[in-house]
Amino acid sequence: MLPLVPQTLPDLHRTDVLIAAAQSDSLVPASSTRLLADLLQRSGAEVTVEWLGGGHGLTAADTATVARWLATRADPRPE
């Protein structure tokens, strides 16, 4: 979903973003997802789009996808 397009893009360099989108979402069309991903990328974000089966609801498979994505970004070094 692309709720607004800012006049000035934010600086999102060094920001990882996961967009988990459903292929059959009746509320958020795929075109909106692609527009959001493009906007975030133009702002400098590292964007991953995961196209999931199903509709607008959240499933166990969706949360597993998010968990796998987060695990690839976890910093194993203590602060």
N, C-alpha and C. Protein backbone atom coordinates (compact mmCIF):
# COMPACT_ATOMS: atom_id res chain seq x y z
N MET A 1 0.84 -1.17 0.00
CA MET A 1 0.00 0.00 0.00
C MET A 1 0.89 1.24 0.00
N LEU A 2 0.53 2.19 -0.79
CA LEU A 2 1.28 3.43 -0.89
C LEU A 2 0.36 4.56 -0.43
N PRO A 3 0.36 4.84 0.90
CA PRO A 3 -0.59 5.82 1.43
C PRO A 3 -0.30 7.26 0.99
N LEU A 4 0.97 7.58 0.73
CA LEU A 4 1.31 8.92 0.28
C LEU A 4 2.66 8.89 -0.42
N VAL A 5 2.89 9.89 -1.24
CA VAL A 5 4.19 10.04 -1.90
C VAL A 5 4.77 11.36 -1.41
N PRO A 6 5.85 11.31 -0.63
CA PRO A 6 6.41 12.55 -0.09
C PRO A 6 7.02 13.41 -1.19
N GLN A 7 6.96 14.72 -1.00
CA GLN A 7 7.55 15.64 -1.98
C GLN A 7 9.06 15.48 -1.99
N THR A 8 9.64 15.28 -0.81
CA THR A 8 11.07 15.05 -0.69
C THR A 8 11.27 13.65 -0.14
N LEU A 9 12.05 12.84 -0.83
CA LEU A 9 12.27 11.47 -0.38
C LEU A 9 13.17 11.46 0.85
N PRO A 10 12.87 10.62 1.82
CA PRO A 10 13.73 10.51 2.99
C PRO A 10 15.03 9.79 2.64
N ASP A 11 16.04 9.97 3.46
CA ASP A 11 17.30 9.24 3.28
C ASP A 11 17.18 7.91 4.00
N LEU A 12 17.05 6.84 3.26
CA LEU A 12 16.89 5.51 3.84
C LEU A 12 18.10 4.62 3.58
N HIS A 13 19.24 5.23 3.24
CA HIS A 13 20.46 4.44 3.08
C HIS A 13 20.74 3.70 4.38
N ARG A 14 21.28 2.50 4.25
CA ARG A 14 21.57 1.64 5.39
C ARG A 14 20.30 1.16 6.10
N THR A 15 19.18 1.15 5.37
CA THR A 15 17.91 0.68 5.92
C THR A 15 17.44 -0.51 5.11
N ASP A 16 17.22 -1.63 5.79
CA ASP A 16 16.68 -2.83 5.14
C ASP A 16 15.17 -2.84 5.31
N VAL A 17 14.47 -3.16 4.24
CA VAL A 17 13.01 -3.19 4.27
C VAL A 17 12.53 -4.50 3.65
N LEU A 18 11.62 -5.16 4.34
CA LEU A 18 10.95 -6.34 3.78
C LEU A 18 9.50 -5.96 3.51
N ILE A 19 9.07 -6.18 2.29
CA ILE A 19 7.66 -6.05 1.95
C ILE A 19 7.15 -7.46 1.69
N ALA A 20 6.28 -7.94 2.55
CA ALA A 20 5.66 -9.26 2.38
C ALA A 20 4.28 -9.01 1.81
N ALA A 21 4.11 -9.33 0.56
CA ALA A 21 2.86 -9.02 -0.15
C ALA A 21 2.21 -10.29 -0.66
N ALA A 22 0.89 -10.30 -0.61
CA ALA A 22 0.15 -11.46 -1.09
C ALA A 22 -0.19 -11.30 -2.57
N GLN A 23 -0.07 -12.39 -3.28
CA GLN A 23 -0.36 -12.37 -4.71
C GLN A 23 -1.84 -12.12 -5.00
N SER A 24 -2.69 -12.52 -4.08
CA SER A 24 -4.14 -12.39 -4.29
C SER A 24 -4.78 -11.45 -3.28
N ASP A 25 -4.06 -10.41 -2.88
CA ASP A 25 -4.59 -9.45 -1.90
C ASP A 25 -5.66 -8.60 -2.55
N SER A 26 -6.86 -8.66 -2.01
CA SER A 26 -7.97 -7.89 -2.58
C SER A 26 -7.97 -6.43 -2.13
N LEU A 27 -7.19 -6.10 -1.10
CA LEU A 27 -7.14 -4.72 -0.60
C LEU A 27 -5.94 -3.93 -1.11
N VAL A 28 -4.82 -4.61 -1.34
CA VAL A 28 -3.60 -3.93 -1.80
C VAL A 28 -3.15 -4.58 -3.11
N PRO A 29 -3.39 -3.93 -4.23
CA PRO A 29 -3.01 -4.53 -5.51
C PRO A 29 -1.49 -4.61 -5.67
N ALA A 30 -1.05 -5.54 -6.47
CA ALA A 30 0.38 -5.74 -6.72
C ALA A 30 1.03 -4.47 -7.24
N SER A 31 0.31 -3.68 -8.01
CA SER A 31 0.87 -2.45 -8.55
C SER A 31 1.24 -1.48 -7.43
N SER A 32 0.45 -1.42 -6.37
CA SER A 32 0.77 -0.56 -5.23
C SER A 32 2.01 -1.06 -4.51
N THR A 33 2.14 -2.37 -4.40
CA THR A 33 3.32 -2.94 -3.76
C THR A 33 4.57 -2.58 -4.56
N ARG A 34 4.50 -2.70 -5.87
CA ARG A 34 5.65 -2.36 -6.71
C ARG A 34 5.99 -0.87 -6.61
N LEU A 35 4.98 0.00 -6.55
CA LEU A 35 5.22 1.44 -6.40
C LEU A 35 5.91 1.74 -5.07
N LEU A 36 5.46 1.09 -4.00
CA LEU A 36 6.08 1.29 -2.69
C LEU A 36 7.52 0.83 -2.70
N ALA A 37 7.78 -0.33 -3.26
CA ALA A 37 9.15 -0.86 -3.33
C ALA A 37 10.05 0.10 -4.12
N ASP A 38 9.54 0.63 -5.22
CA ASP A 38 10.31 1.57 -6.03
C ASP A 38 10.61 2.85 -5.26
N LEU A 39 9.63 3.38 -4.56
CA LEU A 39 9.82 4.59 -3.77
C LEU A 39 10.87 4.38 -2.69
N LEU A 40 10.80 3.26 -2.00
CA LEU A 40 11.78 2.96 -0.95
C LEU A 40 13.18 2.80 -1.53
N GLN A 41 13.28 2.14 -2.67
CA GLN A 41 14.58 1.96 -3.32
C GLN A 41 15.16 3.30 -3.77
N ARG A 42 14.33 4.16 -4.33
CA ARG A 42 14.81 5.49 -4.74
C ARG A 42 15.25 6.32 -3.53
N SER A 43 14.73 5.98 -2.35
CA SER A 43 15.14 6.66 -1.11
C SER A 43 16.42 6.07 -0.54
N GLY A 44 16.92 5.00 -1.16
CA GLY A 44 18.18 4.41 -0.74
C GLY A 44 18.05 3.14 0.08
N ALA A 45 16.84 2.69 0.34
CA ALA A 45 16.65 1.47 1.13
C ALA A 45 17.01 0.23 0.33
N GLU A 46 17.45 -0.79 1.04
CA GLU A 46 17.68 -2.11 0.46
C GLU A 46 16.37 -2.87 0.63
N VAL A 47 15.62 -3.04 -0.46
CA VAL A 47 14.26 -3.56 -0.39
C VAL A 47 14.21 -5.00 -0.87
N THR A 48 13.55 -5.83 -0.09
CA THR A 48 13.25 -7.21 -0.48
C THR A 48 11.74 -7.33 -0.55
N VAL A 49 11.24 -7.80 -1.68
CA VAL A 49 9.80 -8.05 -1.83
C VAL A 49 9.60 -9.55 -1.89
N GLU A 50 8.82 -10.06 -0.98
CA GLU A 50 8.46 -11.48 -0.95
C GLU A 50 7.00 -11.60 -1.34
N TRP A 51 6.76 -12.25 -2.47
CA TRP A 51 5.38 -12.48 -2.92
C TRP A 51 4.89 -13.78 -2.31
N LEU A 52 3.84 -13.71 -1.53
CA LEU A 52 3.31 -14.85 -0.81
C LEU A 52 1.97 -15.26 -1.39
N GLY A 53 1.61 -16.52 -1.18
CA GLY A 53 0.30 -16.98 -1.61
C GLY A 53 -0.76 -16.43 -0.67
N GLY A 54 -1.98 -16.56 -1.07
CA GLY A 54 -3.07 -16.14 -0.19
C GLY A 54 -3.53 -14.72 -0.45
N GLY A 55 -4.26 -14.21 0.53
CA GLY A 55 -4.86 -12.89 0.41
C GLY A 55 -4.30 -11.91 1.42
N HIS A 56 -5.19 -11.11 2.02
CA HIS A 56 -4.77 -10.03 2.89
C HIS A 56 -4.46 -10.50 4.32
N GLY A 57 -4.83 -11.70 4.68
CA GLY A 57 -4.61 -12.20 6.04
C GLY A 57 -3.17 -12.65 6.27
N LEU A 58 -2.82 -12.78 7.53
CA LEU A 58 -1.48 -13.21 7.93
C LEU A 58 -1.51 -14.70 8.28
N THR A 59 -0.57 -15.47 7.73
CA THR A 59 -0.52 -16.91 7.97
C THR A 59 0.79 -17.29 8.65
N ALA A 60 0.87 -18.53 9.11
CA ALA A 60 2.11 -19.04 9.70
C ALA A 60 3.24 -19.02 8.68
N ALA A 61 2.94 -19.28 7.43
CA ALA A 61 3.96 -19.23 6.38
C ALA A 61 4.50 -17.81 6.22
N ASP A 62 3.63 -16.83 6.37
CA ASP A 62 4.06 -15.43 6.27
C ASP A 62 5.03 -15.09 7.40
N THR A 63 4.70 -15.49 8.61
CA THR A 63 5.58 -15.18 9.74
C THR A 63 6.90 -15.93 9.61
N ALA A 64 6.88 -17.11 9.04
CA ALA A 64 8.13 -17.86 8.82
C ALA A 64 9.01 -17.12 7.79
N THR A 65 8.39 -16.55 6.78
CA THR A 65 9.13 -15.77 5.78
C THR A 65 9.81 -14.58 6.43
N VAL A 66 9.07 -13.88 7.29
CA VAL A 66 9.63 -12.73 7.99
C VAL A 66 10.76 -13.16 8.92
N ALA A 67 10.58 -14.26 9.63
CA ALA A 67 11.62 -14.76 10.54
C ALA A 67 12.90 -15.10 9.79
N ARG A 68 12.77 -15.74 8.63
CA ARG A 68 13.95 -16.07 7.82
C ARG A 68 14.66 -14.79 7.36
N TRP A 69 13.89 -13.80 6.93
CA TRP A 69 14.47 -12.53 6.47
C TRP A 69 15.20 -11.84 7.62
N LEU A 70 14.57 -11.79 8.77
CA LEU A 70 15.21 -11.16 9.94
C LEU A 70 16.48 -11.89 10.34
N ALA A 71 16.48 -13.21 10.24
CA ALA A 71 17.66 -13.99 10.62
C ALA A 71 18.85 -13.68 9.73
N THR A 72 18.61 -13.30 8.49
CA THR A 72 19.71 -12.97 7.59
C THR A 72 20.30 -11.60 7.91
N ARG A 73 19.60 -10.82 8.72
CA ARG A 73 20.07 -9.49 9.06
C ARG A 73 20.52 -9.37 10.51
N ALA A 74 20.42 -10.43 11.26
CA ALA A 74 20.82 -10.39 12.67
C ALA A 74 22.34 -10.22 12.77
N ASP A 75 22.76 -9.32 13.62
CA ASP A 75 24.18 -9.08 13.86
C ASP A 75 24.60 -9.94 15.05
N PRO A 76 25.41 -10.96 14.82
CA PRO A 76 25.78 -11.87 15.90
C PRO A 76 26.76 -11.25 16.90
N ARG A 77 27.31 -10.10 16.58
CA ARG A 77 28.27 -9.48 17.49
C ARG A 77 27.56 -8.72 18.60
N PRO A 78 27.97 -8.92 19.85
CA PRO A 78 27.36 -8.17 20.94
C PRO A 78 27.80 -6.71 20.88
N GLU A 79 26.99 -5.83 21.41
CA GLU A 79 27.33 -4.40 21.41
C GLU A 79 28.32 -4.07 22.49
